[in-house]
Amino acid sequence: MELVRAKKFKKASEMKSFYDDCGWVVLKNYIKKSEIKNIQLSLNNFFYKKLKKNCLDSLVYLNKKNKQKLHELHMQSSNLTSLKRVCTRLSEIQKVLLGKKNILMHEISVTYMLSLPKDQRLVYKYHQESNYMKNYGNILNIHFPIFHQSNFENGSMSALSGSHKLGNIKYQNKKKSKNSYTDKIPQNINMISKKYKEVLFELNVRDVVFFHKDLIHKSNFNNTKTSRPVGVGRYTST
């Protein structure tokens, strides 16, 4: 596994070439300080009104005490305007990465992942976004940490670099438990994972990963005591 960090590109053409080759690109400080602070403030205010705790403390508390309530509040807080506003602005990079100009990108979904500590339920195994979102052409996927760095210890996202070139792959459904995510694991994933290098994204707050709909990727186990919330946006031109 190779650890990769965000970078800045001098030319848009270099960024697109990297994205086309690897199926992902990580941009350094691409989110404005004011934007990320607004998301943090919105989430903290939301949970404080419900539980008199900030967002991170609330997630840990509810995961231990009331998982149903955790799910309900997560769904409600995913609709915050501050999160949608940032993802909408970030989606404009499609003009560079997808090689198209002046195309209105339609929102498929905007939310944030919880990345709960010491919990396997909400950890995605290797998958492709294209198997969860059928009947779309191009899809721009956005991923960024909200409160603190994403790294190896807290289960940051990793990917098989260049695997998007395989296209959409047939998959098998697997589910760890009744309350866990359904994994759509690509067929022959053991062979594929030996062919393509796994990269793990170490992301600071304000860094952003953009990745291809067919890139094989996964989340990893959070071995810390706090959640690792990450903003997620998906946009399409179809």
Protein backbone atom coordinates (compact mmCIF):
# COMPACT_ATOMS: atom_id res chain seq x y z
CA MET A 1 0.00 0.00 0.00
CA GLU A 2 1.23 3.48 -0.87
CA LEU A 3 0.29 6.54 1.16
CA VAL A 4 -0.62 9.53 -1.02
CA ARG A 5 -1.17 13.16 -0.07
CA ALA A 6 -2.86 16.10 -1.74
CA LYS A 7 -1.00 18.24 -4.24
CA LYS A 8 -1.46 21.30 -6.42
CA PHE A 9 -1.23 21.11 -10.19
CA LYS A 10 0.30 23.92 -12.24
CA LYS A 11 -1.81 23.17 -15.30
CA ALA A 12 -5.34 21.88 -15.76
CA SER A 13 -4.08 19.57 -18.52
CA GLU A 14 -1.69 17.90 -16.05
CA MET A 15 -4.54 17.36 -13.59
CA LYS A 16 -6.75 15.79 -16.24
CA SER A 17 -3.92 13.55 -17.49
CA PHE A 18 -3.29 12.31 -13.94
CA TYR A 19 -7.02 11.69 -13.39
CA ASP A 20 -7.37 9.81 -16.68
CA ASP A 21 -4.39 7.59 -15.84
CA CYS A 22 -5.10 6.89 -12.15
CA GLY A 23 -8.87 7.34 -11.88
CA TRP A 24 -8.47 9.80 -8.99
CA VAL A 25 -6.87 13.10 -8.10
CA VAL A 26 -6.31 14.69 -4.66
CA LEU A 27 -6.21 18.49 -4.52
CA LYS A 28 -4.58 20.39 -1.67
CA ASN A 29 -6.57 23.11 0.15
CA TYR A 30 -9.21 23.12 -2.59
CA ILE A 31 -11.98 23.94 -0.10
CA LYS A 32 -12.00 27.46 1.32
CA LYS A 33 -11.49 27.93 5.07
CA SER A 34 -14.85 29.69 5.34
CA GLU A 35 -16.62 26.83 3.55
CA ILE A 36 -15.32 24.08 5.82
CA LYS A 37 -15.95 26.19 8.93
CA ASN A 38 -19.57 26.68 7.85
CA ILE A 39 -20.06 22.91 7.52
CA GLN A 40 -18.44 22.29 10.91
CA LEU A 41 -20.57 24.97 12.54
CA SER A 42 -23.77 23.69 10.93
CA LEU A 43 -23.17 20.12 12.07
CA ASN A 44 -22.19 21.14 15.58
CA ASN A 45 -25.23 23.38 15.92
CA PHE A 46 -27.55 20.68 14.60
CA PHE A 47 -26.40 18.07 17.11
CA TYR A 48 -26.17 20.52 19.98
CA LYS A 49 -29.84 21.37 19.55
CA LYS A 50 -30.69 17.66 19.68
CA LEU A 51 -28.30 16.34 22.32
CA LYS A 52 -26.42 19.26 23.86
CA LYS A 53 -23.23 17.78 22.40
CA ASN A 54 -21.07 18.68 19.43
CA CYS A 55 -21.17 16.56 16.27
CA LEU A 56 -18.23 14.24 17.01
CA ASP A 57 -19.29 13.55 20.59
CA SER A 58 -22.88 12.98 19.48
CA LEU A 59 -21.89 10.40 16.86
CA VAL A 60 -19.88 8.36 19.35
CA TYR A 61 -22.60 8.63 22.01
CA LEU A 62 -25.46 7.61 19.70
CA ASN A 63 -23.49 4.73 18.21
CA LYS A 64 -23.22 3.26 21.70
CA LYS A 65 -26.66 4.19 23.04
CA ASN A 66 -29.15 4.48 20.19
CA LYS A 67 -28.20 3.40 16.67
CA GLN A 68 -31.71 4.03 15.33
CA LYS A 69 -31.57 7.65 16.51
CA LEU A 70 -28.09 7.93 15.02
CA HIS A 71 -29.47 6.89 11.65
CA GLU A 72 -32.37 9.35 11.86
CA LEU A 73 -30.22 12.32 12.81
CA HIS A 74 -27.62 11.42 10.21
CA MET A 75 -30.28 11.51 7.49
CA GLN A 76 -31.60 14.84 8.71
CA SER A 77 -28.20 16.50 9.02
CA SER A 78 -27.15 15.35 5.55
CA ASN A 79 -29.54 17.93 4.11
CA LEU A 80 -27.69 20.92 5.54
CA THR A 81 -27.35 23.80 3.09
CA SER A 82 -23.69 24.41 3.90
CA LEU A 83 -22.73 20.89 2.78
CA LYS A 84 -24.72 21.09 -0.45
CA ARG A 85 -23.34 24.52 -1.28
CA VAL A 86 -19.72 23.37 -1.02
CA CYS A 87 -20.29 20.20 -3.05
CA THR A 88 -22.05 22.18 -5.77
CA ARG A 89 -19.06 24.49 -6.11
CA LEU A 90 -16.61 21.58 -6.11
CA SER A 91 -18.57 19.88 -8.88
CA GLU A 92 -17.50 22.64 -11.27
CA ILE A 93 -14.18 20.82 -11.67
CA GLN A 94 -16.00 18.46 -14.02
CA LYS A 95 -15.14 20.95 -16.79
CA VAL A 96 -11.50 19.89 -16.34
CA LEU A 97 -11.67 16.25 -15.25
CA LEU A 98 -14.42 15.06 -17.59
CA GLY A 99 -13.19 17.08 -20.52
CA LYS A 100 -16.49 18.85 -21.13
CA LYS A 101 -17.43 22.52 -21.01
CA ASN A 102 -20.59 24.30 -19.91
CA ILE A 103 -22.46 21.13 -18.99
CA LEU A 104 -24.90 21.43 -16.11
CA MET A 105 -23.98 18.81 -13.50
CA HIS A 106 -27.04 17.32 -11.82
CA GLU A 107 -26.85 16.28 -8.19
CA ILE A 108 -27.29 12.56 -7.54
CA SER A 109 -26.65 12.80 -3.82
CA VAL A 110 -24.89 14.90 -1.19
CA THR A 111 -24.29 13.54 2.28
CA TYR A 112 -21.53 12.77 4.74
CA MET A 113 -20.19 9.41 5.88
CA LEU A 114 -19.89 8.75 9.60
CA SER A 115 -16.78 6.55 9.70
CA LEU A 116 -17.57 5.44 13.23
CA PRO A 117 -14.79 4.34 15.60
CA LYS A 118 -14.19 0.65 16.29
CA ASP A 119 -17.23 -0.32 14.18
CA GLN A 120 -17.27 -2.65 11.16
CA ARG A 121 -20.95 -2.06 10.27
CA LEU A 122 -20.42 1.01 8.11
CA VAL A 123 -17.10 0.06 6.52
CA TYR A 124 -17.34 -0.46 2.77
CA LYS A 125 -15.27 -3.22 1.18
CA TYR A 126 -13.90 -2.87 -2.36
CA HIS A 127 -16.61 -1.59 -4.73
CA GLN A 128 -17.34 0.70 -7.66
CA GLU A 129 -19.74 3.63 -7.41
CA SER A 130 -21.11 2.65 -10.82
CA ASN A 131 -22.62 -0.51 -9.30
CA TYR A 132 -24.58 1.51 -6.74
CA MET A 133 -25.73 4.16 -9.25
CA LYS A 134 -26.92 2.50 -12.41
CA ASN A 135 -27.98 4.14 -15.68
CA TYR A 136 -25.73 7.19 -15.38
CA GLY A 137 -23.09 8.27 -17.86
CA ASN A 138 -20.26 10.21 -16.31
CA ILE A 139 -20.30 10.56 -12.52
CA LEU A 140 -18.11 12.98 -10.59
CA ASN A 141 -17.42 11.66 -7.08
CA ILE A 142 -16.31 14.06 -4.34
CA HIS A 143 -14.78 13.05 -0.98
CA PHE A 144 -13.30 15.29 1.74
CA PRO A 145 -12.69 15.25 5.53
CA ILE A 146 -14.79 17.65 7.59
CA PHE A 147 -13.34 17.93 11.10
CA HIS A 148 -9.86 16.41 11.09
CA GLN A 149 -7.30 14.55 9.01
CA SER A 150 -8.19 11.26 7.34
CA ASN A 151 -5.31 8.79 7.65
CA PHE A 152 -4.37 5.13 7.96
CA GLU A 153 -5.20 4.88 11.65
CA ASN A 154 -8.73 6.29 11.39
CA GLY A 155 -9.65 4.32 8.27
CA SER A 156 -9.22 6.71 5.39
CA MET A 157 -10.39 5.74 1.91
CA SER A 158 -8.06 3.67 -0.25
CA ALA A 159 -8.27 2.67 -3.92
CA LEU A 160 -6.75 0.40 -6.54
CA SER A 161 -5.08 3.04 -8.67
CA GLY A 162 -5.87 2.74 -12.38
CA SER A 163 -8.57 0.09 -11.87
CA HIS A 164 -11.19 2.36 -13.48
CA LYS A 165 -9.76 1.27 -16.83
CA LEU A 166 -11.40 -2.13 -16.30
CA GLY A 167 -14.80 -0.47 -16.74
CA ASN A 168 -17.88 -1.57 -14.85
CA ILE A 169 -17.43 -5.05 -13.33
CA LYS A 170 -20.05 -7.59 -12.32
CA TYR A 171 -20.33 -7.92 -8.58
CA GLN A 172 -21.53 -10.07 -5.68
CA ASN A 173 -23.69 -8.70 -2.87
CA LYS A 174 -22.39 -9.30 0.63
CA LYS A 175 -23.67 -8.02 3.96
CA LYS A 176 -21.84 -8.34 7.28
CA SER A 177 -24.97 -7.96 9.40
CA LYS A 178 -28.59 -6.81 9.30
CA ASN A 179 -27.61 -3.22 10.12
CA SER A 180 -24.47 -3.01 7.97
CA TYR A 181 -23.95 -1.66 4.47
CA THR A 182 -24.45 -3.96 1.50
CA ASP A 183 -21.11 -4.48 -0.23
CA LYS A 184 -21.18 -4.90 -4.02
CA ILE A 185 -17.82 -6.61 -4.32
CA PRO A 186 -16.36 -6.88 -7.86
CA GLN A 187 -15.88 -10.41 -9.14
CA ASN A 188 -12.29 -11.68 -9.06
CA ILE A 189 -11.34 -8.91 -6.64
CA ASN A 190 -8.44 -10.97 -5.23
CA MET A 191 -6.81 -11.16 -8.65
CA ILE A 192 -7.55 -7.52 -9.42
CA SER A 193 -6.07 -6.33 -6.13
CA LYS A 194 -2.79 -8.08 -6.99
CA LYS A 195 -2.61 -6.34 -10.36
CA TYR A 196 -3.30 -2.77 -9.24
CA LYS A 197 -1.46 -0.82 -6.56
CA GLU A 198 -3.50 0.14 -3.51
CA VAL A 199 -3.17 3.79 -2.51
CA LEU A 200 -4.46 5.22 0.77
CA PHE A 201 -5.40 8.90 0.87
CA GLU A 202 -4.03 10.94 3.76
CA LEU A 203 -6.22 14.03 3.64
CA ASN A 204 -6.01 17.20 5.66
CA VAL A 205 -9.07 19.35 6.23
CA ARG A 206 -9.72 21.36 3.03
CA ASP A 207 -8.19 18.63 0.80
CA VAL A 208 -10.50 16.92 -1.72
CA VAL A 209 -10.45 13.63 -3.61
CA PHE A 210 -12.24 13.45 -6.97
CA PHE A 211 -12.56 9.95 -8.41
CA HIS A 212 -13.96 8.01 -11.36
CA LYS A 213 -17.21 6.06 -11.10
CA ASP A 214 -15.44 2.78 -12.01
CA LEU A 215 -12.48 3.20 -9.65
CA ILE A 216 -12.37 0.26 -7.23
CA HIS A 217 -12.08 1.69 -3.73
CA LYS A 218 -13.04 1.07 -0.12
CA SER A 219 -13.21 2.61 3.33
CA ASN A 220 -11.07 1.14 6.09
CA PHE A 221 -11.48 0.30 9.77
CA ASN A 222 -11.36 3.29 12.11
CA ASN A 223 -9.06 2.22 14.91
CA THR A 224 -9.36 5.46 16.91
CA LYS A 225 -11.86 6.65 19.53
CA THR A 226 -13.55 9.32 17.42
CA SER A 227 -15.57 9.41 14.21
CA ARG A 228 -14.07 10.55 10.90
CA PRO A 229 -16.91 12.36 9.10
CA VAL A 230 -16.27 12.94 5.39
CA GLY A 231 -18.34 14.94 2.95
CA VAL A 232 -19.51 13.03 -0.12
CA GLY A 233 -21.01 14.43 -3.32
CA ARG A 234 -22.04 12.70 -6.54
CA TYR A 235 -22.89 14.59 -9.72
CA THR A 236 -23.74 13.56 -13.27
CA SER A 237 -24.26 15.19 -16.64
CA THR A 238 -27.07 12.76 -17.52
